[in-house]
Each structure stands twice: as C-alpha cells, then as structure tokens.
Amino acid sequence: MTTTASTAASAPERATLEERLLAFIHTELLAPGETITRDDDLLSDLLDSVAVLRLATYVDEEFGLTTKPQDFVVENFQSVAVLAGYVERARAASA
C-alpha cells in the first residue's frame, strides 16, 4: 500500500516537473510558434547542441543539480518525459 500511495503522490509532482521543462523549452529554446509534447524527440532536429547545453544548465540551476559528465547522455535528454525521469533520479540520489 505504501508503494501505491507513493506512486499516486508523485504523479502530480512529475506532471509539474514536465510542465516546467516544457515551459522553458518553449520560451527559451524553440522558435516562435514551434511546439513540442512531452514525448517528442528533442535531439532529432528540435534542439541543436547549444540548446541542449542551455537545457542542461537550466536543469542544474532550476532543480539544484549538477549534471555529471557521465549523465550528459542521449538517454537522459531524449524527451521531456525522459529528462523529467532523470531529474527525479538525480534529486533522489542527492537527497
């Protein structure tokens, strides 16, 4: 039962995390009028290398993290949903 309560409690937090990431990407990294969803592939023609670095800097500053070189991989930055998972794991590991 504890697992279910924990999972239910984290769903709104996860949604908020994804909303914050999407808001930053829409306002700071995409061209006006461009939109993405939580599952769109950020690394296939949406964001260039400079934009990905800006996103990583935002994640570190906004969520109090330090992205380690070994964590700066495609698997952690593929989409907003994947990135939110990385942020959750990194926050849990630093707690």
PDB file of N, CA and C in Angstrom:
ATOM      1  N   MET A   1       0.809  -1.198   0.000  1.00  0.00           N
ATOM      2  CA  MET A   1       0.000   0.000   0.000  1.00  0.00           C
ATOM      3  C   MET A   1       0.847   1.255   0.000  1.00  0.00           C
ATOM      4  N   THR A   2       1.943   1.243   0.695  1.00  0.00           N
ATOM      5  CA  THR A   2       2.814   2.403   0.725  1.00  0.00           C
ATOM      6  C   THR A   2       3.313   2.737  -0.669  1.00  0.00           C
ATOM      7  N   THR A   3       3.646   1.730  -1.451  1.00  0.00           N
ATOM      8  CA  THR A   3       4.117   1.955  -2.810  1.00  0.00           C
ATOM      9  C   THR A   3       3.048   2.641  -3.648  1.00  0.00           C
ATOM     10  N   THR A   4       1.814   2.208  -3.534  1.00  0.00           N
ATOM     11  CA  THR A   4       0.728   2.817  -4.296  1.00  0.00           C
ATOM     12  C   THR A   4       0.541   4.275  -3.902  1.00  0.00           C
ATOM     13  N   ALA A   5       0.544   4.560  -2.609  1.00  0.00           N
ATOM     14  CA  ALA A   5       0.392   5.942  -2.146  1.00  0.00           C
ATOM     15  C   ALA A   5       1.543   6.793  -2.633  1.00  0.00           C
ATOM     16  N   SER A   6       2.752   6.250  -2.582  1.00  0.00           N
ATOM     17  CA  SER A   6       3.920   6.979  -3.039  1.00  0.00           C
ATOM     18  C   SER A   6       3.837   7.277  -4.532  1.00  0.00           C
ATOM     19  N   THR A   7       3.404   6.286  -5.307  1.00  0.00           N
ATOM     20  CA  THR A   7       3.267   6.463  -6.745  1.00  0.00           C
ATOM     21  C   THR A   7       2.199   7.506  -7.058  1.00  0.00           C
ATOM     22  N   ALA A   8       1.076   7.445  -6.375  1.00  0.00           N
ATOM     23  CA  ALA A   8      -0.003   8.397  -6.603  1.00  0.00           C
ATOM     24  C   ALA A   8       0.431   9.805  -6.229  1.00  0.00           C
ATOM     25  N   ALA A   9       1.192   9.930  -5.160  1.00  0.00           N
ATOM     26  CA  ALA A   9       1.646  11.242  -4.722  1.00  0.00           C
ATOM     27  C   ALA A   9       2.662  11.832  -5.696  1.00  0.00           C
ATOM     28  N   SER A  10       3.437  10.995  -6.377  1.00  0.00           N
ATOM     29  CA  SER A  10       4.473  11.512  -7.262  1.00  0.00           C
ATOM     30  C   SER A  10       3.949  11.883  -8.653  1.00  0.00           C
ATOM     31  N   ALA A  11       2.772  11.396  -9.025  1.00  0.00           N
ATOM     32  CA  ALA A  11       2.233  11.701 -10.354  1.00  0.00           C
ATOM     33  C   ALA A  11       2.019  13.202 -10.569  1.00  0.00           C
ATOM     34  N   PRO A  12       1.386  13.928  -9.644  1.00  0.00           N
ATOM     35  CA  PRO A  12       1.237  15.378  -9.847  1.00  0.00           C
ATOM     36  C   PRO A  12       2.588  16.100  -9.866  1.00  0.00           C
ATOM     37  N   GLU A  13       3.511  15.649  -9.018  1.00  0.00           N
ATOM     38  CA  GLU A  13       4.834  16.266  -8.997  1.00  0.00           C
ATOM     39  C   GLU A  13       5.536  16.043 -10.334  1.00  0.00           C
ATOM     40  N   ARG A  14       5.419  14.844 -10.885  1.00  0.00           N
ATOM     41  CA  ARG A  14       6.038  14.531 -12.180  1.00  0.00           C
ATOM     42  C   ARG A  14       5.437  15.403 -13.276  1.00  0.00           C
ATOM     43  N   ALA A  15       4.120  15.586 -13.252  1.00  0.00           N
ATOM     44  CA  ALA A  15       3.451  16.427 -14.251  1.00  0.00           C
ATOM     45  C   ALA A  15       3.933  17.860 -14.146  1.00  0.00           C
ATOM     46  N   THR A  16       4.080  18.363 -12.936  1.00  0.00           N
ATOM     47  CA  THR A  16       4.569  19.730 -12.732  1.00  0.00           C
ATOM     48  C   THR A  16       5.994  19.871 -13.236  1.00  0.00           C
ATOM     49  N   LEU A  17       6.822  18.896 -12.964  1.00  0.00           N
ATOM     50  CA  LEU A  17       8.201  18.894 -13.439  1.00  0.00           C
ATOM     51  C   LEU A  17       8.241  18.951 -14.962  1.00  0.00           C
ATOM     52  N   GLU A  18       7.432  18.130 -15.612  1.00  0.00           N
ATOM     53  CA  GLU A  18       7.381  18.135 -17.075  1.00  0.00           C
ATOM     54  C   GLU A  18       6.867  19.471 -17.601  1.00  0.00           C
ATOM     55  N   GLU A  19       5.878  20.055 -16.933  1.00  0.00           N
ATOM     56  CA  GLU A  19       5.347  21.357 -17.355  1.00  0.00           C
ATOM     57  C   GLU A  19       6.420  22.436 -17.270  1.00  0.00           C
ATOM     58  N   ARG A  20       7.211  22.415 -16.219  1.00  0.00           N
ATOM     59  CA  ARG A  20       8.295  23.395 -16.077  1.00  0.00           C
ATOM     60  C   ARG A  20       9.337  23.235 -17.175  1.00  0.00           C
ATOM     61  N   LEU A  21       9.689  21.995 -17.482  1.00  0.00           N
ATOM     62  CA  LEU A  21      10.650  21.742 -18.548  1.00  0.00           C
ATOM     63  C   LEU A  21      10.092  22.190 -19.901  1.00  0.00           C
ATOM     64  N   LEU A  22       8.843  21.835 -20.177  1.00  0.00           N
ATOM     65  CA  LEU A  22       8.210  22.242 -21.437  1.00  0.00           C
ATOM     66  C   LEU A  22       8.135  23.756 -21.557  1.00  0.00           C
ATOM     67  N   ALA A  23       7.792  24.437 -20.469  1.00  0.00           N
ATOM     68  CA  ALA A  23       7.689  25.899 -20.498  1.00  0.00           C
ATOM     69  C   ALA A  23       9.041  26.523 -20.840  1.00  0.00           C
ATOM     70  N   PHE A  24      10.114  26.033 -20.228  1.00  0.00           N
ATOM     71  CA  PHE A  24      11.446  26.559 -20.527  1.00  0.00           C
ATOM     72  C   PHE A  24      11.802  26.320 -21.989  1.00  0.00           C
ATOM     73  N   ILE A  25      11.577  25.119 -22.453  1.00  0.00           N
ATOM     74  CA  ILE A  25      11.921  24.796 -23.836  1.00  0.00           C
ATOM     75  C   ILE A  25      11.127  25.661 -24.812  1.00  0.00           C
ATOM     76  N   HIS A  26       9.831  25.811 -24.567  1.00  0.00           N
ATOM     77  CA  HIS A  26       9.003  26.624 -25.464  1.00  0.00           C
ATOM     78  C   HIS A  26       9.422  28.081 -25.465  1.00  0.00           C
ATOM     79  N   THR A  27       9.708  28.642 -24.304  1.00  0.00           N
ATOM     80  CA  THR A  27      10.017  30.077 -24.240  1.00  0.00           C
ATOM     81  C   THR A  27      11.461  30.408 -24.572  1.00  0.00           C
ATOM     82  N   GLU A  28      12.382  29.479 -24.293  1.00  0.00           N
ATOM     83  CA  GLU A  28      13.802  29.806 -24.438  1.00  0.00           C
ATOM     84  C   GLU A  28      14.537  29.113 -25.586  1.00  0.00           C
ATOM     85  N   LEU A  29      14.032  27.966 -26.023  1.00  0.00           N
ATOM     86  CA  LEU A  29      14.825  27.180 -26.972  1.00  0.00           C
ATOM     87  C   LEU A  29      14.191  26.974 -28.336  1.00  0.00           C
ATOM     88  N   LEU A  30      12.892  27.090 -28.424  1.00  0.00           N
ATOM     89  CA  LEU A  30      12.222  26.866 -29.706  1.00  0.00           C
ATOM     90  C   LEU A  30      11.916  28.183 -30.401  1.00  0.00           C
ATOM     91  N   ALA A  31      11.782  28.115 -31.701  1.00  0.00           N
ATOM     92  CA  ALA A  31      11.378  29.284 -32.477  1.00  0.00           C
ATOM     93  C   ALA A  31       9.919  29.617 -32.157  1.00  0.00           C
ATOM     94  N   PRO A  32       9.551  30.884 -32.276  1.00  0.00           N
ATOM     95  CA  PRO A  32       8.153  31.260 -32.014  1.00  0.00           C
ATOM     96  C   PRO A  32       7.197  30.423 -32.870  1.00  0.00           C
ATOM     97  N   GLY A  33       6.145  29.943 -32.229  1.00  0.00           N
ATOM     98  CA  GLY A  33       5.155  29.137 -32.931  1.00  0.00           C
ATOM     99  C   GLY A  33       5.437  27.647 -32.928  1.00  0.00           C
ATOM    100  N   GLU A  34       6.681  27.254 -32.643  1.00  0.00           N
ATOM    101  CA  GLU A  34       7.015  25.830 -32.558  1.00  0.00           C
ATOM    102  C   GLU A  34       6.509  25.275 -31.242  1.00  0.00           C
ATOM    103  N   THR A  35       6.011  24.064 -31.270  1.00  0.00           N
ATOM    104  CA  THR A  35       5.584  23.410 -30.046  1.00  0.00           C
ATOM    105  C   THR A  35       6.069  21.969 -30.025  1.00  0.00           C
ATOM    106  N   ILE A  36       6.166  21.434 -28.837  1.00  0.00           N
ATOM    107  CA  ILE A  36       6.531  20.034 -28.652  1.00  0.00           C
ATOM    108  C   ILE A  36       5.655  19.445 -27.554  1.00  0.00           C
ATOM    109  N   THR A  37       5.664  18.136 -27.476  1.00  0.00           N
ATOM    110  CA  THR A  37       4.971  17.446 -26.397  1.00  0.00           C
ATOM    111  C   THR A  37       6.014  16.758 -25.520  1.00  0.00           C
ATOM    112  N   ARG A  38       5.562  16.174 -24.456  1.00  0.00           N
ATOM    113  CA  ARG A  38       6.457  15.528 -23.505  1.00  0.00           C
ATOM    114  C   ARG A  38       7.227  14.358 -24.116  1.00  0.00           C
ATOM    115  N   ASP A  39       6.713  13.773 -25.181  1.00  0.00           N
ATOM    116  CA  ASP A  39       7.335  12.585 -25.766  1.00  0.00           C
ATOM    117  C   ASP A  39       8.099  12.848 -27.063  1.00  0.00           C
ATOM    118  N   ASP A  40       8.101  14.079 -27.534  1.00  0.00           N
ATOM    119  CA  ASP A  40       8.833  14.385 -28.767  1.00  0.00           C
ATOM    120  C   ASP A  40      10.337  14.234 -28.549  1.00  0.00           C
ATOM    121  N   ASP A  41      11.006  13.752 -29.582  1.00  0.00           N
ATOM    122  CA  ASP A  41      12.453  13.552 -29.535  1.00  0.00           C
ATOM    123  C   ASP A  41      13.144  14.913 -29.644  1.00  0.00           C
ATOM    124  N   LEU A  42      13.725  15.358 -28.538  1.00  0.00           N
ATOM    125  CA  LEU A  42      14.368  16.669 -28.500  1.00  0.00           C
ATOM    126  C   LEU A  42      15.639  16.724 -29.333  1.00  0.00           C
ATOM    127  N   LEU A  43      16.264  15.592 -29.528  1.00  0.00           N
ATOM    128  CA  LEU A  43      17.579  15.570 -30.157  1.00  0.00           C
ATOM    129  C   LEU A  43      17.556  15.303 -31.647  1.00  0.00           C
ATOM    130  N   SER A  44      16.379  15.083 -32.199  1.00  0.00           N
ATOM    131  CA  SER A  44      16.308  14.857 -33.643  1.00  0.00           C
ATOM    132  C   SER A  44      15.751  16.115 -34.315  1.00  0.00           C
ATOM    133  N   ASP A  45      16.606  17.041 -34.562  1.00  0.00           N
ATOM    134  CA  ASP A  45      16.297  18.271 -35.287  1.00  0.00           C
ATOM    135  C   ASP A  45      15.531  19.328 -34.490  1.00  0.00           C
ATOM    136  N   LEU A  46      15.149  19.067 -33.247  1.00  0.00           N
ATOM    137  CA  LEU A  46      14.461  20.096 -32.463  1.00  0.00           C
ATOM    138  C   LEU A  46      15.446  21.022 -31.771  1.00  0.00           C
ATOM    139  N   LEU A  47      16.435  20.448 -31.102  1.00  0.00           N
ATOM    140  CA  LEU A  47      17.409  21.247 -30.363  1.00  0.00           C
ATOM    141  C   LEU A  47      18.809  21.002 -30.909  1.00  0.00           C
ATOM    142  N   ASP A  48      19.545  22.085 -31.096  1.00  0.00           N
ATOM    143  CA  ASP A  48      20.937  21.925 -31.502  1.00  0.00           C
ATOM    144  C   ASP A  48      21.795  21.758 -30.247  1.00  0.00           C
ATOM    145  N   SER A  49      23.090  21.592 -30.424  1.00  0.00           N
ATOM    146  CA  SER A  49      23.976  21.305 -29.292  1.00  0.00           C
ATOM    147  C   SER A  49      24.001  22.452 -28.281  1.00  0.00           C
ATOM    148  N   VAL A  50      23.934  23.675 -28.742  1.00  0.00           N
ATOM    149  CA  VAL A  50      23.920  24.823 -27.829  1.00  0.00           C
ATOM    150  C   VAL A  50      22.629  24.824 -27.009  1.00  0.00           C
ATOM    151  N   ALA A  51      21.520  24.524 -27.647  1.00  0.00           N
ATOM    152  CA  ALA A  51      20.239  24.468 -26.933  1.00  0.00           C
ATOM    153  C   ALA A  51      20.241  23.362 -25.888  1.00  0.00           C
ATOM    154  N   VAL A  52      20.846  22.223 -26.201  1.00  0.00           N
ATOM    155  CA  VAL A  52      20.929  21.131 -25.232  1.00  0.00           C
ATOM    156  C   VAL A  52      21.772  21.554 -24.032  1.00  0.00           C
ATOM    157  N   LEU A  53      22.860  22.260 -24.278  1.00  0.00           N
ATOM    158  CA  LEU A  53      23.681  22.768 -23.166  1.00  0.00           C
ATOM    159  C   LEU A  53      22.897  23.768 -22.326  1.00  0.00           C
ATOM    160  N   ARG A  54      22.132  24.632 -22.972  1.00  0.00           N
ATOM    161  CA  ARG A  54      21.288  25.575 -22.232  1.00  0.00           C
ATOM    162  C   ARG A  54      20.248  24.838 -21.396  1.00  0.00           C
ATOM    163  N   LEU A  55      19.679  23.772 -21.947  1.00  0.00           N
ATOM    164  CA  LEU A  55      18.707  22.965 -21.224  1.00  0.00           C
ATOM    165  C   LEU A  55      19.358  22.304 -20.008  1.00  0.00           C
ATOM    166  N   ALA A  56      20.537  21.763 -20.181  1.00  0.00           N
ATOM    167  CA  ALA A  56      21.251  21.132 -19.061  1.00  0.00           C
ATOM    168  C   ALA A  56      21.565  22.160 -17.979  1.00  0.00           C
ATOM    169  N   THR A  57      21.960  23.354 -18.369  1.00  0.00           N
ATOM    170  CA  THR A  57      22.233  24.421 -17.401  1.00  0.00           C
ATOM    171  C   THR A  57      20.967  24.800 -16.654  1.00  0.00           C
ATOM    172  N   TYR A  58      19.862  24.917 -17.374  1.00  0.00           N
ATOM    173  CA  TYR A  58      18.574  25.209 -16.741  1.00  0.00           C
ATOM    174  C   TYR A  58      18.222  24.130 -15.719  1.00  0.00           C
ATOM    175  N   VAL A  59      18.356  22.878 -16.103  1.00  0.00           N
ATOM    176  CA  VAL A  59      18.032  21.762 -15.208  1.00  0.00           C
ATOM    177  C   VAL A  59      18.872  21.851 -13.936  1.00  0.00           C
ATOM    178  N   ASP A  60      20.161  22.087 -14.086  1.00  0.00           N
ATOM    179  CA  ASP A  60      21.033  22.186 -12.920  1.00  0.00           C
ATOM    180  C   ASP A  60      20.618  23.343 -12.011  1.00  0.00           C
ATOM    181  N   GLU A  61      20.401  24.509 -12.591  1.00  0.00           N
ATOM    182  CA  GLU A  61      20.073  25.685 -11.792  1.00  0.00           C
ATOM    183  C   GLU A  61      18.671  25.606 -11.198  1.00  0.00           C
ATOM    184  N   GLU A  62      17.712  25.190 -11.974  1.00  0.00           N
ATOM    185  CA  GLU A  62      16.309  25.169 -11.543  1.00  0.00           C
ATOM    186  C   GLU A  62      16.033  24.103 -10.492  1.00  0.00           C
ATOM    187  N   PHE A  63      16.711  22.972 -10.600  1.00  0.00           N
ATOM    188  CA  PHE A  63      16.413  21.851  -9.726  1.00  0.00           C
ATOM    189  C   PHE A  63      17.547  21.528  -8.759  1.00  0.00           C
ATOM    190  N   GLY A  64      18.543  22.398  -8.690  1.00  0.00           N
ATOM    191  CA  GLY A  64      19.624  22.233  -7.720  1.00  0.00           C
ATOM    192  C   GLY A  64      20.489  21.015  -7.963  1.00  0.00           C
ATOM    193  N   LEU A  65      20.743  20.708  -9.217  1.00  0.00           N
ATOM    194  CA  LEU A  65      21.534  19.532  -9.566  1.00  0.00           C
ATOM    195  C   LEU A  65      22.873  19.938 -10.160  1.00  0.00           C
ATOM    196  N   THR A  66      23.757  18.980 -10.256  1.00  0.00           N
ATOM    197  CA  THR A  66      24.989  19.124 -11.013  1.00  0.00           C
ATOM    198  C   THR A  66      25.043  17.926 -11.949  1.00  0.00           C
ATOM    199  N   THR A  67      24.775  18.174 -13.224  1.00  0.00           N
ATOM    200  CA  THR A  67      24.799  17.079 -14.200  1.00  0.00           C
ATOM    201  C   THR A  67      26.240  16.639 -14.388  1.00  0.00           C
ATOM    202  N   LYS A  68      26.503  15.406 -14.037  1.00  0.00           N
ATOM    203  CA  LYS A  68      27.842  14.845 -14.163  1.00  0.00           C
ATOM    204  C   LYS A  68      28.089  14.485 -15.623  1.00  0.00           C
ATOM    205  N   PRO A  69      29.343  14.515 -16.055  1.00  0.00           N
ATOM    206  CA  PRO A  69      29.636  14.167 -17.453  1.00  0.00           C
ATOM    207  C   PRO A  69      29.048  12.823 -17.875  1.00  0.00           C
ATOM    208  N   GLN A  70      29.080  11.834 -17.001  1.00  0.00           N
ATOM    209  CA  GLN A  70      28.543  10.516 -17.362  1.00  0.00           C
ATOM    210  C   GLN A  70      27.020  10.529 -17.482  1.00  0.00           C
ATOM    211  N   ASP A  71      26.360  11.553 -16.927  1.00  0.00           N
ATOM    212  CA  ASP A  71      24.902  11.669 -17.043  1.00  0.00           C
ATOM    213  C   ASP A  71      24.471  12.485 -18.258  1.00  0.00           C
ATOM    214  N   PHE A  72      25.399  13.166 -18.872  1.00  0.00           N
ATOM    215  CA  PHE A  72      25.092  14.002 -20.026  1.00  0.00           C
ATOM    216  C   PHE A  72      25.120  13.126 -21.280  1.00  0.00           C
ATOM    217  N   VAL A  73      24.082  12.282 -21.383  1.00  0.00           N
ATOM    218  CA  VAL A  73      23.979  11.321 -22.478  1.00  0.00           C
ATOM    219  C   VAL A  73      22.591  11.417 -23.111  1.00  0.00           C
ATOM    220  N   VAL A  74      22.501  10.932 -24.316  1.00  0.00           N
ATOM    221  CA  VAL A  74      21.248  10.961 -25.063  1.00  0.00           C
ATOM    222  C   VAL A  74      20.110  10.345 -24.256  1.00  0.00           C
ATOM    223  N   GLU A  75      20.388   9.256 -23.571  1.00  0.00           N
ATOM    224  CA  GLU A  75      19.344   8.550 -22.832  1.00  0.00           C
ATOM    225  C   GLU A  75      18.685   9.407 -21.752  1.00  0.00           C
ATOM    226  N   ASN A  76      19.343  10.436 -21.267  1.00  0.00           N
ATOM    227  CA  ASN A  76      18.761  11.306 -20.239  1.00  0.00           C
ATOM    228  C   ASN A  76      18.115  12.566 -20.805  1.00  0.00           C
ATOM    229  N   PHE A  77      18.376  12.892 -22.065  1.00  0.00           N
ATOM    230  CA  PHE A  77      17.882  14.135 -22.658  1.00  0.00           C
ATOM    231  C   PHE A  77      17.038  13.902 -23.907  1.00  0.00           C
ATOM    232  N   GLN A  78      16.606  12.685 -24.135  1.00  0.00           N
ATOM    233  CA  GLN A  78      15.886  12.323 -25.353  1.00  0.00           C
ATOM    234  C   GLN A  78      14.551  13.046 -25.511  1.00  0.00           C
ATOM    235  N   SER A  79      13.800  13.168 -24.424  1.00  0.00           N
ATOM    236  CA  SER A  79      12.492  13.825 -24.461  1.00  0.00           C
ATOM    237  C   SER A  79      12.241  14.482 -23.109  1.00  0.00           C
ATOM    238  N   VAL A  80      11.199  15.267 -23.029  1.00  0.00           N
ATOM    239  CA  VAL A  80      10.852  15.901 -21.756  1.00  0.00           C
ATOM    240  C   VAL A  80      10.499  14.837 -20.725  1.00  0.00           C
ATOM    241  N   ALA A  81       9.773  13.817 -21.129  1.00  0.00           N
ATOM    242  CA  ALA A  81       9.406  12.749 -20.196  1.00  0.00           C
ATOM    243  C   ALA A  81      10.645  12.040 -19.658  1.00  0.00           C
ATOM    244  N   VAL A  82      11.592  11.748 -20.527  1.00  0.00           N
ATOM    245  CA  VAL A  82      12.832  11.088 -20.124  1.00  0.00           C
ATOM    246  C   VAL A  82      13.659  12.015 -19.235  1.00  0.00           C
ATOM    247  N   LEU A  83      13.748  13.271 -19.597  1.00  0.00           N
ATOM    248  CA  LEU A  83      14.508  14.239 -18.815  1.00  0.00           C
ATOM    249  C   LEU A  83      13.908  14.404 -17.421  1.00  0.00           C
ATOM    250  N   ALA A  84      12.601  14.418 -17.321  1.00  0.00           N
ATOM    251  CA  ALA A  84      11.943  14.511 -16.011  1.00  0.00           C
ATOM    252  C   ALA A  84      12.313  13.302 -15.150  1.00  0.00           C
ATOM    253  N   GLY A  85      12.376  12.130 -15.754  1.00  0.00           N
ATOM    254  CA  GLY A  85      12.801  10.938 -15.030  1.00  0.00           C
ATOM    255  C   GLY A  85      14.225  11.062 -14.528  1.00  0.00           C
ATOM    256  N   TYR A  86      15.097  11.610 -15.367  1.00  0.00           N
ATOM    257  CA  TYR A  86      16.489  11.833 -14.955  1.00  0.00           C
ATOM    258  C   TYR A  86      16.536  12.792 -13.769  1.00  0.00           C
ATOM    259  N   VAL A  87      15.791  13.884 -13.847  1.00  0.00           N
ATOM    260  CA  VAL A  87      15.776  14.868 -12.760  1.00  0.00           C
ATOM    261  C   VAL A  87      15.301  14.207 -11.465  1.00  0.00           C
ATOM    262  N   GLU A  88      14.255  13.420 -11.535  1.00  0.00           N
ATOM    263  CA  GLU A  88      13.754  12.724 -10.341  1.00  0.00           C
ATOM    264  C   GLU A  88      14.814  11.801  -9.751  1.00  0.00           C
ATOM    265  N   ARG A  89      15.475  11.039 -10.604  1.00  0.00           N
ATOM    266  CA  ARG A  89      16.526  10.115 -10.120  1.00  0.00           C
ATOM    267  C   ARG A  89      17.686  10.877  -9.523  1.00  0.00           C
ATOM    268  N   ALA A  90      18.109  11.946 -10.175  1.00  0.00           N
ATOM    269  CA  ALA A  90      19.243  12.729  -9.691  1.00  0.00           C
ATOM    270  C   ALA A  90      18.916  13.413  -8.358  1.00  0.00           C
ATOM    271  N   ARG A  91      17.697  13.916  -8.235  1.00  0.00           N
ATOM    272  CA  ARG A  91      17.283  14.531  -6.974  1.00  0.00           C
ATOM    273  C   ARG A  91      17.247  13.502  -5.852  1.00  0.00           C
ATOM    274  N   ALA A  92      16.732  12.327  -6.142  1.00  0.00           N
ATOM    275  CA  ALA A  92      16.669  11.268  -5.126  1.00  0.00           C
ATOM    276  C   ALA A  92      18.070  10.825  -4.700  1.00  0.00           C
ATOM    277  N   ALA A  93      18.977  10.753  -5.650  1.00  0.00           N
ATOM    278  CA  ALA A  93      20.348  10.321  -5.351  1.00  0.00           C
ATOM    279  C   ALA A  93      21.089  11.351  -4.506  1.00  0.00           C
ATOM    280  N   SER A  94      20.755  12.627  -4.670  1.00  0.00           N
ATOM    281  CA  SER A  94      21.455  13.660  -3.915  1.00  0.00           C
ATOM    282  C   SER A  94      20.802  13.936  -2.567  1.00  0.00           C
ATOM    283  N   ALA A  95      19.652  13.331  -2.319  1.00  0.00           N
ATOM    284  CA  ALA A  95      18.956  13.570  -1.042  1.00  0.00           C
ATOM    285  C   ALA A  95      19.533  12.756   0.080  1.00  0.00           C
TER     286      ALA A  95
END
